[in-house]
Amino acid sequence: MTFLLDTYIALVSLVFLAILGLISGVAVPGLFMAAAAPWLDWILPGRKKKSG
């Protein structure tokens, strides 16, 4: 019985860590990109549209 409880607790922990990993995998690079966006625009300016 304790083996099943230990397995259940481990699975719940893994699901929780997976959710945290998913959130941090999206949020942390987004924060860095928000901070780096002005520099990236300066280094790699957007393409200008050709008129005509």
Protein backbone atom coordinates (compact mmCIF):
# COMPACT_ATOMS: atom_id res chain seq x y z
CA MET A 1 0.00 0.00 0.00
CA THR A 2 2.81 2.41 0.80
CA PHE A 3 4.38 1.62 -2.57
CA LEU A 4 1.23 2.82 -4.35
CA LEU A 5 1.12 5.96 -2.23
CA ASP A 6 4.78 6.69 -2.92
CA THR A 7 4.24 6.16 -6.64
CA TYR A 8 1.22 8.46 -6.61
CA ILE A 9 3.14 11.18 -4.76
CA ALA A 10 6.03 10.88 -7.22
CA LEU A 11 3.66 11.19 -10.19
CA VAL A 12 1.96 14.24 -8.71
CA SER A 13 5.36 15.81 -8.12
CA LEU A 14 6.44 15.09 -11.69
CA VAL A 15 3.26 16.63 -13.08
CA PHE A 16 3.77 19.71 -10.91
CA LEU A 17 7.38 20.04 -12.04
CA ALA A 18 6.34 19.61 -15.67
CA ILE A 19 3.83 22.44 -15.32
CA LEU A 20 6.46 24.66 -13.70
CA GLY A 21 8.92 23.78 -16.45
CA LEU A 22 6.41 24.63 -19.13
CA ILE A 23 5.60 27.97 -17.54
CA SER A 24 9.24 28.89 -17.00
CA GLY A 25 10.16 27.71 -20.49
CA VAL A 26 7.71 30.23 -21.91
CA ALA A 27 7.93 33.07 -19.39
CA VAL A 28 11.69 33.38 -18.82
CA PRO A 29 12.69 33.62 -22.51
CA GLY A 30 9.83 36.07 -22.98
CA LEU A 31 11.26 38.30 -20.27
CA PHE A 32 14.70 38.16 -21.87
CA MET A 33 13.27 38.95 -25.29
CA ALA A 34 11.37 41.93 -23.87
CA ALA A 35 14.62 43.25 -22.41
CA ALA A 36 16.64 42.49 -25.56
CA ALA A 37 14.10 43.77 -28.11
CA PRO A 38 15.44 47.34 -28.33
CA TRP A 39 18.98 46.05 -28.82
CA LEU A 40 17.88 43.54 -31.42
CA ASP A 41 16.04 46.27 -33.29
CA TRP A 42 19.20 48.36 -33.26
CA ILE A 43 21.43 45.48 -34.39
CA LEU A 44 19.01 43.94 -36.89
CA PRO A 45 16.65 46.68 -38.06
CA GLY A 46 13.43 45.63 -39.70
CA ARG A 47 13.26 45.47 -43.46
CA LYS A 48 11.97 48.59 -45.15
CA LYS A 49 9.06 48.19 -47.49
CA LYS A 50 9.76 48.90 -51.14
CA SER A 51 7.46 51.52 -52.53
CA GLY A 52 6.15 50.89 -56.01
